[in-house]
Amino acid sequence: MPNPDQDSWLAKLGVTKLLSRKHPDGDAASGVEAGPAAAAVHRGGTGIVDKVVNTVREVVGSGPSDEELDGLKEDLENGENAVNIAIASGVFAEEHVEKLKQAGEGLGAVSKGIGKVTAVRGDLRALLEIHDALKVLDDPKNLQPGSKAAAEAFGHLFHGAGTFVEKLPPPLNAYAPIFTGCLHFFTDMQRLLDPEQRPSGGEQMREVLREL
């Protein structure tokens, strides 16, 4: 799996990690890298997220470009590979593998079908969520049995994919509920299996029923 860096397709657009930035000026105290997109946060809007999203749309246009879609396809393929590695490595308990496998197959199907869509208007925040999740999953130490980092990252990988594909035409948007339903699934299931975090009595039953 390639390691996203400053030469990645998102970095070239100047929008990597924009949504996590607190300060637009890029000074040393804020730890923010200055750039035209970050500086543009000074322009109007009703909140920092709205300002950043508006700035991102100014940079990349009203919808994903061909370069973005190519990058998304690559990220989805890498996500499917991460799923296969996680299954082979026993990251999650056997009873949870089927849901992981189903969502992973969905990533593969979407990555193959995205190139056939002629008009795409996707949520650019979802692209960043997918990309940041893959940075975590690209680290081998996070793909170990019982990894909490992997559980959280897979949740965000699938949630970002679901948020993006729900705006696509059929049949791709049919995968949206499968993906978005994974946001907390793996972290919740890990918590149920961990004696130190496991809820007791009625609370545990409610947790199990909620995930069915």
Protein backbone atom coordinates (compact mmCIF):
# COMPACT_ATOMS: atom_id res chain seq x y z
CA MET A 1 0.00 0.00 0.00
CA PRO A 2 1.55 3.35 -0.96
CA ASN A 3 2.28 5.79 1.79
CA PRO A 4 0.39 9.10 1.21
CA ASP A 5 2.78 12.01 1.51
CA GLN A 6 3.27 15.55 0.28
CA ASP A 7 3.22 14.30 -3.32
CA SER A 8 -0.16 12.59 -2.91
CA TRP A 9 -3.10 13.58 -5.08
CA LEU A 10 -4.74 15.43 -2.18
CA ALA A 11 -1.55 17.26 -1.22
CA LYS A 12 -1.17 18.50 -4.79
CA LEU A 13 -4.56 20.16 -4.44
CA GLY A 14 -3.43 21.90 -1.26
CA VAL A 15 -6.31 20.54 0.81
CA THR A 16 -4.76 17.71 2.85
CA LYS A 17 -5.85 17.97 6.51
CA LEU A 18 -7.55 21.32 5.90
CA LEU A 19 -10.52 20.23 7.97
CA SER A 20 -8.34 19.71 11.04
CA ARG A 21 -6.67 23.10 10.84
CA LYS A 22 -7.45 25.63 13.55
CA HIS A 23 -5.62 28.68 12.25
CA PRO A 24 -5.35 29.98 8.68
CA ASP A 25 -2.12 31.95 8.91
CA GLY A 26 0.33 29.06 9.13
CA ASP A 27 2.35 30.48 12.02
CA ALA A 28 4.69 28.41 14.16
CA ALA A 29 2.42 28.51 17.21
CA SER A 30 -0.51 26.99 15.39
CA GLY A 31 1.53 24.27 13.69
CA VAL A 32 -0.31 24.95 10.44
CA GLU A 33 1.33 25.05 7.06
CA ALA A 34 0.49 28.21 5.19
CA GLY A 35 -0.98 28.00 1.72
CA PRO A 36 -3.47 29.72 -0.58
CA ALA A 37 -6.28 27.39 0.44
CA ALA A 38 -5.61 27.81 4.16
CA ALA A 39 -5.29 31.58 3.91
CA ALA A 40 -8.60 31.74 2.07
CA VAL A 41 -10.35 30.58 5.24
CA HIS A 42 -10.44 34.29 6.13
CA ARG A 43 -13.21 34.67 3.58
CA GLY A 44 -16.90 34.49 4.51
CA GLY A 45 -18.83 31.56 5.92
CA THR A 46 -20.81 30.52 8.96
CA GLY A 47 -18.14 28.39 10.66
CA ILE A 48 -14.66 27.00 10.26
CA VAL A 49 -15.87 23.80 8.56
CA ASP A 50 -18.08 25.71 6.11
CA LYS A 51 -15.24 28.09 5.34
CA VAL A 52 -12.80 25.29 4.69
CA VAL A 53 -15.24 23.31 2.56
CA ASN A 54 -16.02 26.42 0.51
CA THR A 55 -12.28 26.97 0.07
CA VAL A 56 -11.76 23.38 -1.01
CA ARG A 57 -14.52 23.74 -3.58
CA GLU A 58 -12.85 26.89 -4.90
CA VAL A 59 -9.62 24.95 -5.32
CA VAL A 60 -10.99 21.80 -6.93
CA GLY A 61 -14.24 23.02 -8.49
CA SER A 62 -17.87 22.12 -7.85
CA GLY A 63 -17.25 18.38 -8.09
CA PRO A 64 -14.37 15.91 -8.04
CA SER A 65 -11.97 16.23 -10.96
CA ASP A 66 -10.60 13.33 -12.97
CA GLU A 67 -7.46 13.46 -10.82
CA GLU A 68 -9.55 13.28 -7.65
CA LEU A 69 -11.55 10.32 -8.97
CA ASP A 70 -8.35 8.52 -9.94
CA GLY A 71 -7.04 9.19 -6.44
CA LEU A 72 -10.30 7.98 -4.92
CA LYS A 73 -10.13 4.77 -6.95
CA GLU A 74 -6.58 4.21 -5.71
CA ASP A 75 -7.62 4.86 -2.12
CA LEU A 76 -10.57 2.46 -2.36
CA GLU A 77 -8.33 -0.22 -3.85
CA ASN A 78 -5.84 0.34 -1.03
CA GLY A 79 -8.70 0.11 1.44
CA GLU A 80 -9.76 -3.24 0.01
CA ASN A 81 -6.15 -4.43 0.29
CA ALA A 82 -6.06 -3.29 3.93
CA VAL A 83 -9.22 -5.30 4.58
CA ASN A 84 -7.63 -8.42 3.09
CA ILE A 85 -4.49 -7.91 5.19
CA ALA A 86 -6.59 -7.39 8.33
CA ILE A 87 -8.52 -10.60 7.67
CA ALA A 88 -5.34 -12.59 7.02
CA SER A 89 -3.65 -11.11 10.12
CA GLY A 90 -6.57 -11.81 12.44
CA VAL A 91 -6.97 -8.17 13.45
CA PHE A 92 -10.61 -8.74 14.41
CA ALA A 93 -12.42 -11.61 16.05
CA GLU A 94 -13.64 -14.28 13.65
CA GLU A 95 -17.30 -13.44 14.25
CA HIS A 96 -16.71 -9.91 12.95
CA VAL A 97 -14.79 -10.85 9.82
CA GLU A 98 -17.90 -11.33 7.68
CA LYS A 99 -18.95 -7.69 8.09
CA LEU A 100 -15.40 -6.54 7.35
CA LYS A 101 -15.27 -8.77 4.27
CA GLN A 102 -18.64 -7.50 3.02
CA ALA A 103 -17.58 -3.87 3.38
CA GLY A 104 -14.21 -4.61 1.76
CA GLU A 105 -15.89 -6.19 -1.25
CA GLY A 106 -18.03 -3.07 -1.48
CA LEU A 107 -14.90 -0.90 -1.67
CA GLY A 108 -13.67 -3.03 -4.56
CA ALA A 109 -16.99 -2.79 -6.38
CA VAL A 110 -17.14 0.98 -6.00
CA SER A 111 -13.51 1.42 -7.12
CA LYS A 112 -14.32 -0.50 -10.30
CA GLY A 113 -17.60 1.31 -10.92
CA ILE A 114 -16.54 4.88 -10.17
CA GLY A 115 -14.87 5.25 -13.57
CA LYS A 116 -18.19 4.56 -15.30
CA VAL A 117 -19.95 7.46 -13.61
CA THR A 118 -20.09 10.46 -15.92
CA ALA A 119 -21.25 13.08 -13.42
CA VAL A 120 -20.04 12.96 -9.84
CA ARG A 121 -20.82 15.42 -7.06
CA GLY A 122 -19.26 14.00 -3.94
CA ASP A 123 -18.53 15.22 -0.44
CA LEU A 124 -14.90 16.32 -0.42
CA ARG A 125 -14.74 15.90 3.34
CA ALA A 126 -15.39 12.22 2.74
CA LEU A 127 -12.30 12.03 0.52
CA LEU A 128 -10.20 13.43 3.33
CA GLU A 129 -11.74 11.00 5.84
CA ILE A 130 -10.88 8.06 3.57
CA HIS A 131 -7.37 9.33 2.94
CA ASP A 132 -6.57 9.96 6.61
CA ALA A 133 -7.89 6.52 7.60
CA LEU A 134 -5.59 4.90 5.06
CA LYS A 135 -2.58 6.65 6.58
CA VAL A 136 -3.30 4.77 9.81
CA LEU A 137 -3.89 1.46 8.05
CA ASP A 138 -0.68 1.89 6.04
CA ASP A 139 1.31 1.37 9.24
CA PRO A 140 1.89 -2.39 9.78
CA LYS A 141 1.90 -2.01 13.55
CA ASN A 142 -1.73 -0.92 13.36
CA LEU A 143 -2.76 -4.13 11.60
CA GLN A 144 -2.15 -6.44 14.54
CA PRO A 145 -4.73 -8.61 16.33
CA GLY A 146 -6.94 -6.52 18.59
CA SER A 147 -5.63 -3.19 17.23
CA LYS A 148 -7.84 -0.34 18.44
CA ALA A 149 -6.24 2.00 15.90
CA ALA A 150 -7.29 -0.35 13.09
CA ALA A 151 -10.84 -0.60 14.44
CA GLU A 152 -11.21 3.17 14.48
CA ALA A 153 -9.51 3.66 11.12
CA PHE A 154 -11.63 1.05 9.36
CA GLY A 155 -14.70 2.72 10.80
CA HIS A 156 -13.68 6.05 9.28
CA LEU A 157 -12.56 4.46 6.01
CA PHE A 158 -15.98 2.89 5.49
CA HIS A 159 -17.87 5.92 6.81
CA GLY A 160 -16.04 8.21 4.39
CA ALA A 161 -16.77 5.81 1.54
CA GLY A 162 -20.44 5.67 2.52
CA THR A 163 -20.74 9.44 2.74
CA PHE A 164 -19.24 9.77 -0.73
CA VAL A 165 -21.12 7.01 -2.55
CA GLU A 166 -24.54 7.97 -1.20
CA LYS A 167 -24.46 10.85 -3.68
CA LEU A 168 -23.63 8.56 -6.61
CA PRO A 169 -26.23 7.01 -8.94
CA PRO A 170 -27.38 3.38 -8.59
CA PRO A 171 -26.08 0.77 -8.13
CA LEU A 172 -23.08 2.36 -6.38
CA ASN A 173 -25.17 4.24 -3.81
CA ALA A 174 -26.60 0.92 -2.59
CA TYR A 175 -23.32 0.39 -0.73
CA ALA A 176 -23.76 3.55 1.36
CA PRO A 177 -25.70 1.98 4.27
CA ILE A 178 -23.30 -0.97 4.37
CA PHE A 179 -20.36 1.40 4.69
CA THR A 180 -21.82 3.96 7.09
CA GLY A 181 -23.04 1.18 9.39
CA CYS A 182 -19.40 0.32 10.06
CA LEU A 183 -18.45 3.64 11.67
CA HIS A 184 -18.59 2.35 15.26
CA PHE A 185 -19.11 -1.36 14.62
CA PHE A 186 -15.53 -2.56 15.05
CA THR A 187 -14.70 -0.33 18.01
CA ASP A 188 -17.94 -1.32 19.75
CA MET A 189 -17.35 -5.02 19.13
CA GLN A 190 -13.79 -4.78 20.44
CA ARG A 191 -15.10 -3.08 23.55
CA LEU A 192 -17.59 -5.90 24.11
CA LEU A 193 -14.80 -8.48 23.87
CA ASP A 194 -12.43 -6.59 26.18
CA PRO A 195 -13.04 -7.64 29.82
CA GLU A 196 -11.81 -4.27 31.07
CA GLN A 197 -14.21 -2.31 28.88
CA ARG A 198 -17.07 -4.77 28.57
CA PRO A 199 -20.39 -3.40 29.82
CA SER A 200 -22.44 -5.59 32.13
CA GLY A 201 -25.99 -6.86 32.27
CA GLY A 202 -28.63 -4.97 30.31
CA GLU A 203 -26.14 -2.50 28.88
CA GLN A 204 -24.23 -5.31 27.15
CA MET A 205 -27.43 -6.75 25.70
CA ARG A 206 -28.41 -3.33 24.36
CA GLU A 207 -24.98 -2.96 22.75
CA VAL A 208 -25.29 -6.35 21.00
CA LEU A 209 -28.83 -5.71 19.79
CA ARG A 210 -27.85 -2.28 18.45
CA GLU A 211 -25.17 -3.80 16.23
CA LEU A 212 -27.37 -6.57 14.79
